[in-house]
Amino acid sequence: MRRRSSLALAGCFAVLGFLLVTAASTTDATRKAEAPQRSRLVALIQTRQDQVDELDDEVQKLREQVAEAQRVAVRRTEADREQAARNARLAMEAGTVALRGRGLLVRLSDSDRDPADPSQSGAYRIHDSDLQLVVNALFVAGAEAVAVNDNRLVATSPIRAAGDTIVVNFRPLSPPYRVAAIGADRRTFEESTIARRFERWTKLFGLGFSVSEREVEVPAYTGRVAIATAEPVGGN
């Protein structure tokens, strides 16, 4: 019995050894078979990592480009805003935009009296020189924009006489004359020499002259600005 048991045990060990050897051989064969795949996988991972690193670099460069573009856009926007503000100031100074604001309205009109001496008839009428003096006094009083009978005055605007008619910007005016001045100070204007003269002339000759402070509108200048040469302020 013992001999049979020993033989059986020896057989079991033999079978177990065979299985272990077979398993080891199989594992080694599997490992050898998988080795090329593992190498390719490692190479693929490295390639993908290199690509990710390159993409990270590209993303960083793009972010820097976007940031620079934003800085340029901000500078350009600021420059555009500054240019727009300069253009607005120039347009206001050139009189090419309509304005509305607090100011003075001066009304002038011919006298309705008949002169006792026909040779003195001119004293009973408003002349182009009268309008010129009133306009100048309004500018001295701080007016930023002036219009006569809705004709905007600019640096080149003429106020002239054509016979018995007053012409502003080459457009004939009909009395009464309305001089609107945005920004003019009433006290300064009323203390001017021309305002005091008109106060006397209204009593002596019956000329129409009144000053009121109110919201006034000055239209845009629509005429042609005839300038032969010009240079920036402060230019050489």
C-alpha atoms as a PDB file:
ATOM      1  CA  MET A   1       0.000   0.000   0.000  1.00  0.00           C
ATOM      2  CA  ARG A   2       2.773   2.371   0.868  1.00  0.00           C
ATOM      3  CA  ARG A   3       4.468   1.733  -2.411  1.00  0.00           C
ATOM      4  CA  ARG A   4       1.324   2.572  -4.327  1.00  0.00           C
ATOM      5  CA  SER A   5       0.867   5.760  -2.347  1.00  0.00           C
ATOM      6  CA  SER A   6       4.424   6.818  -3.048  1.00  0.00           C
ATOM      7  CA  LEU A   7       3.972   6.157  -6.731  1.00  0.00           C
ATOM      8  CA  ALA A   8       0.744   8.145  -6.758  1.00  0.00           C
ATOM      9  CA  LEU A   9       2.369  11.039  -4.939  1.00  0.00           C
ATOM     10  CA  ALA A  10       5.305  10.962  -7.298  1.00  0.00           C
ATOM     11  CA  GLY A  11       2.902  11.044 -10.197  1.00  0.00           C
ATOM     12  CA  CYS A  12       1.127  14.031  -8.768  1.00  0.00           C
ATOM     13  CA  PHE A  13       4.378  15.901  -8.344  1.00  0.00           C
ATOM     14  CA  ALA A  14       5.351  15.021 -11.875  1.00  0.00           C
ATOM     15  CA  VAL A  15       2.070  16.332 -13.229  1.00  0.00           C
ATOM     16  CA  LEU A  16       2.381  19.475 -11.091  1.00  0.00           C
ATOM     17  CA  GLY A  17       5.899  20.063 -12.309  1.00  0.00           C
ATOM     18  CA  PHE A  18       4.801  19.596 -15.857  1.00  0.00           C
ATOM     19  CA  LEU A  19       2.013  22.122 -15.356  1.00  0.00           C
ATOM     20  CA  LEU A  20       4.399  24.602 -13.764  1.00  0.00           C
ATOM     21  CA  VAL A  21       6.884  24.235 -16.575  1.00  0.00           C
ATOM     22  CA  THR A  22       4.112  24.540 -19.122  1.00  0.00           C
ATOM     23  CA  ALA A  23       2.702  27.642 -17.400  1.00  0.00           C
ATOM     24  CA  ALA A  24       6.142  29.198 -17.187  1.00  0.00           C
ATOM     25  CA  SER A  25       6.769  28.485 -20.846  1.00  0.00           C
ATOM     26  CA  THR A  26       3.389  29.878 -21.758  1.00  0.00           C
ATOM     27  CA  THR A  27       3.941  33.022 -19.665  1.00  0.00           C
ATOM     28  CA  ASP A  28       7.346  33.542 -21.184  1.00  0.00           C
ATOM     29  CA  ALA A  29       5.942  33.074 -24.677  1.00  0.00           C
ATOM     30  CA  THR A  30       3.109  35.495 -23.916  1.00  0.00           C
ATOM     31  CA  ARG A  31       5.573  37.998 -22.521  1.00  0.00           C
ATOM     32  CA  LYS A  32       7.711  37.723 -25.619  1.00  0.00           C
ATOM     33  CA  ALA A  33       4.657  38.063 -27.850  1.00  0.00           C
ATOM     34  CA  GLU A  34       3.436  41.139 -25.963  1.00  0.00           C
ATOM     35  CA  ALA A  35       6.839  42.834 -25.853  1.00  0.00           C
ATOM     36  CA  PRO A  36       6.565  44.414 -29.347  1.00  0.00           C
ATOM     37  CA  GLN A  37       3.045  45.662 -28.596  1.00  0.00           C
ATOM     38  CA  ARG A  38       4.253  47.171 -25.321  1.00  0.00           C
ATOM     39  CA  SER A  39       7.115  48.869 -27.113  1.00  0.00           C
ATOM     40  CA  ARG A  40       4.754  50.286 -29.731  1.00  0.00           C
ATOM     41  CA  LEU A  41       2.382  51.465 -26.974  1.00  0.00           C
ATOM     42  CA  VAL A  42       5.247  53.178 -25.117  1.00  0.00           C
ATOM     43  CA  ALA A  43       6.379  54.790 -28.366  1.00  0.00           C
ATOM     44  CA  LEU A  44       2.804  55.912 -29.102  1.00  0.00           C
ATOM     45  CA  ILE A  45       2.433  57.389 -25.611  1.00  0.00           C
ATOM     46  CA  GLN A  46       5.713  59.266 -26.021  1.00  0.00           C
ATOM     47  CA  THR A  47       4.605  60.546 -29.414  1.00  0.00           C
ATOM     48  CA  ARG A  48       1.290  61.719 -27.996  1.00  0.00           C
ATOM     49  CA  GLN A  49       3.096  63.378 -25.080  1.00  0.00           C
ATOM     50  CA  ASP A  50       5.368  65.202 -27.510  1.00  0.00           C
ATOM     51  CA  GLN A  51       2.311  66.320 -29.470  1.00  0.00           C
ATOM     52  CA  VAL A  52       0.618  67.512 -26.267  1.00  0.00           C
ATOM     53  CA  ASP A  53       3.767  69.449 -25.340  1.00  0.00           C
ATOM     54  CA  GLU A  54       3.817  71.052 -28.795  1.00  0.00           C
ATOM     55  CA  LEU A  55       0.131  71.940 -28.495  1.00  0.00           C
ATOM     56  CA  ASP A  56       0.776  73.432 -25.062  1.00  0.00           C
ATOM     57  CA  ASP A  57       3.499  75.587 -26.594  1.00  0.00           C
ATOM     58  CA  GLU A  58       1.163  76.646 -29.403  1.00  0.00           C
ATOM     59  CA  VAL A  59      -1.587  77.452 -26.906  1.00  0.00           C
ATOM     60  CA  GLN A  60       0.839  79.592 -24.912  1.00  0.00           C
ATOM     61  CA  LYS A  61       1.951  81.421 -28.061  1.00  0.00           C
ATOM     62  CA  LEU A  62      -1.676  81.975 -29.109  1.00  0.00           C
ATOM     63  CA  ARG A  63      -2.522  83.291 -25.661  1.00  0.00           C
ATOM     64  CA  GLU A  64       0.380  85.731 -25.896  1.00  0.00           C
ATOM     65  CA  GLN A  65      -0.778  86.774 -29.367  1.00  0.00           C
ATOM     66  CA  VAL A  66      -4.342  87.264 -28.129  1.00  0.00           C
ATOM     67  CA  ALA A  67      -3.099  89.312 -25.181  1.00  0.00           C
ATOM     68  CA  GLU A  68      -0.986  91.478 -27.503  1.00  0.00           C
ATOM     69  CA  ALA A  69      -3.917  91.866 -29.902  1.00  0.00           C
ATOM     70  CA  GLN A  70      -6.083  92.946 -26.985  1.00  0.00           C
ATOM     71  CA  ARG A  71      -3.466  95.491 -25.900  1.00  0.00           C
ATOM     72  CA  VAL A  72      -3.252  96.800 -29.463  1.00  0.00           C
ATOM     73  CA  ALA A  73      -7.049  96.918 -29.701  1.00  0.00           C
ATOM     74  CA  VAL A  74      -7.245  98.848 -26.422  1.00  0.00           C
ATOM     75  CA  ARG A  75      -4.614 101.303 -27.642  1.00  0.00           C
ATOM     76  CA  ARG A  76      -6.409 101.608 -30.981  1.00  0.00           C
ATOM     77  CA  THR A  77      -9.748 102.057 -29.225  1.00  0.00           C
ATOM     78  CA  GLU A  78      -8.273 104.722 -26.976  1.00  0.00           C
ATOM     79  CA  ALA A  79      -6.710 106.394 -30.016  1.00  0.00           C
ATOM     80  CA  ASP A  80     -10.046 106.184 -31.842  1.00  0.00           C
ATOM     81  CA  ARG A  81     -11.828 107.707 -28.856  1.00  0.00           C
ATOM     82  CA  GLU A  82      -9.230 110.482 -28.636  1.00  0.00           C
ATOM     83  CA  GLN A  83      -9.519 111.104 -32.378  1.00  0.00           C
ATOM     84  CA  ALA A  84     -13.311 111.131 -32.142  1.00  0.00           C
ATOM     85  CA  ALA A  85     -13.088 113.630 -29.284  1.00  0.00           C
ATOM     86  CA  ARG A  86     -10.689 115.797 -31.305  1.00  0.00           C
ATOM     87  CA  ASN A  87     -13.000 115.608 -34.303  1.00  0.00           C
ATOM     88  CA  ALA A  88     -15.958 116.580 -32.114  1.00  0.00           C
ATOM     89  CA  ARG A  89     -14.049 119.559 -30.724  1.00  0.00           C
ATOM     90  CA  LEU A  90     -12.958 120.604 -34.207  1.00  0.00           C
ATOM     91  CA  ALA A  91     -16.513 120.213 -35.510  1.00  0.00           C
ATOM     92  CA  MET A  92     -17.818 122.399 -32.699  1.00  0.00           C
ATOM     93  CA  GLU A  93     -15.122 124.997 -33.288  1.00  0.00           C
ATOM     94  CA  ALA A  94     -15.721 124.882 -37.038  1.00  0.00           C
ATOM     95  CA  GLY A  95     -19.446 125.218 -36.467  1.00  0.00           C
ATOM     96  CA  THR A  96     -20.382 122.136 -38.453  1.00  0.00           C
ATOM     97  CA  VAL A  97     -22.598 120.664 -35.728  1.00  0.00           C
ATOM     98  CA  ALA A  98     -25.755 122.114 -34.238  1.00  0.00           C
ATOM     99  CA  LEU A  99     -25.606 123.074 -30.569  1.00  0.00           C
ATOM    100  CA  ARG A 100     -28.182 123.708 -27.898  1.00  0.00           C
ATOM    101  CA  GLY A 101     -27.650 125.188 -24.479  1.00  0.00           C
ATOM    102  CA  ARG A 102     -28.188 128.004 -22.063  1.00  0.00           C
ATOM    103  CA  GLY A 103     -27.408 131.411 -23.489  1.00  0.00           C
ATOM    104  CA  LEU A 104     -28.674 134.804 -24.576  1.00  0.00           C
ATOM    105  CA  LEU A 105     -31.133 135.853 -27.246  1.00  0.00           C
ATOM    106  CA  VAL A 106     -30.657 139.442 -28.408  1.00  0.00           C
ATOM    107  CA  ARG A 107     -33.428 140.959 -30.536  1.00  0.00           C
ATOM    108  CA  LEU A 108     -32.752 143.977 -32.735  1.00  0.00           C
ATOM    109  CA  SER A 109     -35.224 145.822 -34.951  1.00  0.00           C
ATOM    110  CA  ASP A 110     -35.588 149.032 -36.893  1.00  0.00           C
ATOM    111  CA  SER A 111     -37.456 151.937 -35.327  1.00  0.00           C
ATOM    112  CA  ASP A 112     -41.090 152.428 -36.185  1.00  0.00           C
ATOM    113  CA  ARG A 113     -40.682 156.200 -35.820  1.00  0.00           C
ATOM    114  CA  ASP A 114     -40.427 158.630 -38.703  1.00  0.00           C
ATOM    115  CA  PRO A 115     -37.261 160.697 -38.473  1.00  0.00           C
ATOM    116  CA  ALA A 116     -37.808 164.438 -38.151  1.00  0.00           C
ATOM    117  CA  ASP A 117     -34.782 164.983 -40.359  1.00  0.00           C
ATOM    118  CA  PRO A 118     -34.702 162.631 -43.398  1.00  0.00           C
ATOM    119  CA  SER A 119     -30.940 162.920 -43.485  1.00  0.00           C
ATOM    120  CA  GLN A 120     -30.840 161.164 -40.107  1.00  0.00           C
ATOM    121  CA  SER A 121     -32.896 158.175 -41.276  1.00  0.00           C
ATOM    122  CA  GLY A 122     -29.922 155.865 -40.872  1.00  0.00           C
ATOM    123  CA  ALA A 123     -30.039 156.336 -37.115  1.00  0.00           C
ATOM    124  CA  TYR A 124     -33.481 154.708 -37.077  1.00  0.00           C
ATOM    125  CA  ARG A 125     -32.341 151.473 -38.723  1.00  0.00           C
ATOM    126  CA  ILE A 126     -30.213 148.485 -37.743  1.00  0.00           C
ATOM    127  CA  HIS A 127     -27.041 148.268 -39.837  1.00  0.00           C
ATOM    128  CA  ASP A 128     -24.563 145.498 -40.538  1.00  0.00           C
ATOM    129  CA  SER A 129     -22.021 147.274 -38.302  1.00  0.00           C
ATOM    130  CA  ASP A 130     -24.520 147.121 -35.437  1.00  0.00           C
ATOM    131  CA  LEU A 131     -24.827 143.366 -35.799  1.00  0.00           C
ATOM    132  CA  GLN A 132     -21.050 143.030 -35.985  1.00  0.00           C
ATOM    133  CA  LEU A 133     -20.634 144.959 -32.730  1.00  0.00           C
ATOM    134  CA  VAL A 134     -23.341 142.932 -30.968  1.00  0.00           C
ATOM    135  CA  VAL A 135     -21.827 139.643 -32.128  1.00  0.00           C
ATOM    136  CA  ASN A 136     -18.335 140.693 -31.008  1.00  0.00           C
ATOM    137  CA  ALA A 137     -19.669 141.742 -27.610  1.00  0.00           C
ATOM    138  CA  LEU A 138     -21.376 138.365 -27.207  1.00  0.00           C
ATOM    139  CA  PHE A 139     -18.154 136.523 -27.974  1.00  0.00           C
ATOM    140  CA  VAL A 140     -16.344 138.710 -25.446  1.00  0.00           C
ATOM    141  CA  ALA A 141     -19.073 137.744 -22.960  1.00  0.00           C
ATOM    142  CA  GLY A 142     -18.121 134.085 -23.394  1.00  0.00           C
ATOM    143  CA  ALA A 143     -20.323 132.906 -26.240  1.00  0.00           C
ATOM    144  CA  GLU A 144     -19.262 129.540 -27.629  1.00  0.00           C
ATOM    145  CA  ALA A 145     -21.563 129.602 -30.651  1.00  0.00           C
ATOM    146  CA  VAL A 146     -23.537 132.434 -32.269  1.00  0.00           C
ATOM    147  CA  ALA A 147     -26.184 132.545 -34.985  1.00  0.00           C
ATOM    148  CA  VAL A 148     -27.994 135.472 -36.570  1.00  0.00           C
ATOM    149  CA  ASN A 149     -31.494 134.623 -37.780  1.00  0.00           C
ATOM    150  CA  ASP A 150     -30.474 130.932 -37.676  1.00  0.00           C
ATOM    151  CA  ASN A 151     -27.315 131.539 -39.695  1.00  0.00           C
ATOM    152  CA  ARG A 152     -24.353 130.059 -37.803  1.00  0.00           C
ATOM    153  CA  LEU A 153     -21.332 132.319 -37.600  1.00  0.00           C
ATOM    154  CA  VAL A 154     -17.863 130.864 -38.074  1.00  0.00           C
ATOM    155  CA  ALA A 155     -14.430 132.445 -38.339  1.00  0.00           C
ATOM    156  CA  THR A 156     -14.945 133.249 -42.033  1.00  0.00           C
ATOM    157  CA  SER A 157     -18.569 134.432 -41.807  1.00  0.00           C
ATOM    158  CA  PRO A 158     -19.134 137.903 -43.300  1.00  0.00           C
ATOM    159  CA  ILE A 159     -21.758 140.312 -41.977  1.00  0.00           C
ATOM    160  CA  ARG A 160     -22.252 142.866 -44.712  1.00  0.00           C
ATOM    161  CA  ALA A 161     -24.715 145.279 -46.232  1.00  0.00           C
ATOM    162  CA  ALA A 162     -26.106 144.848 -49.722  1.00  0.00           C
ATOM    163  CA  GLY A 163     -27.983 148.079 -50.261  1.00  0.00           C
ATOM    164  CA  ASP A 164     -30.590 148.284 -47.520  1.00  0.00           C
ATOM    165  CA  THR A 165     -30.316 144.546 -46.768  1.00  0.00           C
ATOM    166  CA  ILE A 166     -28.007 142.909 -44.233  1.00  0.00           C
ATOM    167  CA  VAL A 167     -26.330 139.769 -45.510  1.00  0.00           C
ATOM    168  CA  VAL A 168     -24.857 137.042 -43.276  1.00  0.00           C
ATOM    169  CA  ASN A 169     -22.991 134.138 -44.863  1.00  0.00           C
ATOM    170  CA  PHE A 170     -24.151 135.599 -48.197  1.00  0.00           C
ATOM    171  CA  ARG A 171     -27.788 135.092 -47.170  1.00  0.00           C
ATOM    172  CA  PRO A 172     -30.075 138.144 -46.942  1.00  0.00           C
ATOM    173  CA  LEU A 173     -31.782 138.705 -43.603  1.00  0.00           C
ATOM    174  CA  SER A 174     -35.136 140.215 -42.824  1.00  0.00           C
ATOM    175  CA  PRO A 175     -35.736 142.222 -39.631  1.00  0.00           C
ATOM    176  CA  PRO A 176     -36.212 141.744 -36.790  1.00  0.00           C
ATOM    177  CA  TYR A 177     -32.748 140.319 -36.164  1.00  0.00           C
ATOM    178  CA  ARG A 178     -32.332 137.525 -33.625  1.00  0.00           C
ATOM    179  CA  VAL A 179     -28.839 136.880 -32.333  1.00  0.00           C
ATOM    180  CA  ALA A 180     -28.601 133.617 -30.377  1.00  0.00           C
ATOM    181  CA  ALA A 181     -25.448 133.064 -28.329  1.00  0.00           C
ATOM    182  CA  ILE A 182     -24.785 129.873 -26.349  1.00  0.00           C
ATOM    183  CA  GLY A 183     -22.669 130.362 -23.227  1.00  0.00           C
ATOM    184  CA  ALA A 184     -22.694 134.180 -23.181  1.00  0.00           C
ATOM    185  CA  ASP A 185     -22.846 135.798 -19.751  1.00  0.00           C
ATOM    186  CA  ARG A 186     -25.739 138.237 -19.514  1.00  0.00           C
ATOM    187  CA  ARG A 187     -24.151 140.673 -17.056  1.00  0.00           C
ATOM    188  CA  THR A 188     -20.925 140.889 -19.057  1.00  0.00           C
ATOM    189  CA  PHE A 189     -22.841 141.561 -22.246  1.00  0.00           C
ATOM    190  CA  GLU A 190     -25.197 144.136 -20.708  1.00  0.00           C
ATOM    191  CA  GLU A 191     -22.207 146.001 -19.295  1.00  0.00           C
ATOM    192  CA  SER A 192     -20.549 146.140 -22.726  1.00  0.00           C
ATOM    193  CA  THR A 193     -20.237 149.430 -24.603  1.00  0.00           C
ATOM    194  CA  ILE A 194     -22.503 148.342 -27.461  1.00  0.00           C
ATOM    195  CA  ALA A 195     -25.296 147.202 -25.111  1.00  0.00           C
ATOM    196  CA  ARG A 196     -25.218 150.539 -23.302  1.00  0.00           C
ATOM    197  CA  ARG A 197     -25.262 152.354 -26.632  1.00  0.00           C
ATOM    198  CA  PHE A 198     -28.352 150.448 -27.709  1.00  0.00           C
ATOM    199  CA  GLU A 199     -30.072 151.288 -24.459  1.00  0.00           C
ATOM    200  CA  ARG A 200     -29.579 154.956 -25.306  1.00  0.00           C
ATOM    201  CA  TRP A 201     -30.535 154.485 -28.946  1.00  0.00           C
ATOM    202  CA  THR A 202     -33.797 152.809 -28.006  1.00  0.00           C
ATOM    203  CA  LYS A 203     -34.766 155.962 -26.144  1.00  0.00           C
ATOM    204  CA  LEU A 204     -33.428 158.405 -28.735  1.00  0.00           C
ATOM    205  CA  PHE A 205     -34.489 156.681 -31.949  1.00  0.00           C
ATOM    206  CA  GLY A 206     -36.904 153.955 -30.919  1.00  0.00           C
ATOM    207  CA  LEU A 207     -34.694 151.063 -32.051  1.00  0.00           C
ATOM    208  CA  GLY A 208     -35.765 147.633 -30.884  1.00  0.00           C
ATOM    209  CA  PHE A 209     -33.291 146.080 -28.455  1.00  0.00           C
ATOM    210  CA  SER A 210     -33.941 143.362 -25.882  1.00  0.00           C
ATOM    211  CA  VAL A 211     -31.870 140.723 -24.107  1.00  0.00           C
ATOM    212  CA  SER A 212     -33.269 137.518 -22.634  1.00  0.00           C
ATOM    213  CA  GLU A 213     -31.567 134.551 -21.026  1.00  0.00           C
ATOM    214  CA  ARG A 214     -32.925 131.175 -22.094  1.00  0.00           C
ATOM    215  CA  GLU A 215     -32.263 127.842 -23.738  1.00  0.00           C
ATOM    216  CA  VAL A 216     -31.198 128.635 -27.282  1.00  0.00           C
ATOM    217  CA  GLU A 217     -30.315 126.541 -30.333  1.00  0.00           C
ATOM    218  CA  VAL A 218     -27.609 127.356 -32.832  1.00  0.00           C
ATOM    219  CA  PRO A 219     -27.804 125.399 -36.110  1.00  0.00           C
ATOM    220  CA  ALA A 220     -24.825 123.921 -37.897  1.00  0.00           C
ATOM    221  CA  TYR A 221     -22.932 125.996 -40.417  1.00  0.00           C
ATOM    222  CA  THR A 222     -23.846 124.878 -43.930  1.00  0.00           C
ATOM    223  CA  GLY A 223     -21.754 127.232 -46.024  1.00  0.00           C
ATOM    224  CA  ARG A 224     -18.392 126.723 -47.637  1.00  0.00           C
ATOM    225  CA  VAL A 225     -15.257 127.402 -45.610  1.00  0.00           C
ATOM    226  CA  ALA A 226     -12.822 129.076 -47.966  1.00  0.00           C
ATOM    227  CA  ILE A 227      -9.380 128.513 -46.455  1.00  0.00           C
ATOM    228  CA  ALA A 228      -6.375 128.604 -48.773  1.00  0.00           C
ATOM    229  CA  THR A 229      -3.733 127.386 -46.307  1.00  0.00           C
ATOM    230  CA  ALA A 230      -3.707 126.103 -42.755  1.00  0.00           C
ATOM    231  CA  GLU A 231      -1.382 124.511 -40.261  1.00  0.00           C
ATOM    232  CA  PRO A 232      -1.843 122.812 -36.886  1.00  0.00           C
ATOM    233  CA  VAL A 233      -1.731 124.945 -33.776  1.00  0.00           C
ATOM    234  CA  GLY A 234       1.839 125.057 -32.547  1.00  0.00           C
ATOM    235  CA  GLY A 235       3.220 124.081 -35.953  1.00  0.00           C
ATOM    236  CA  ASN A 236       6.485 125.511 -37.221  1.00  0.00           C
END
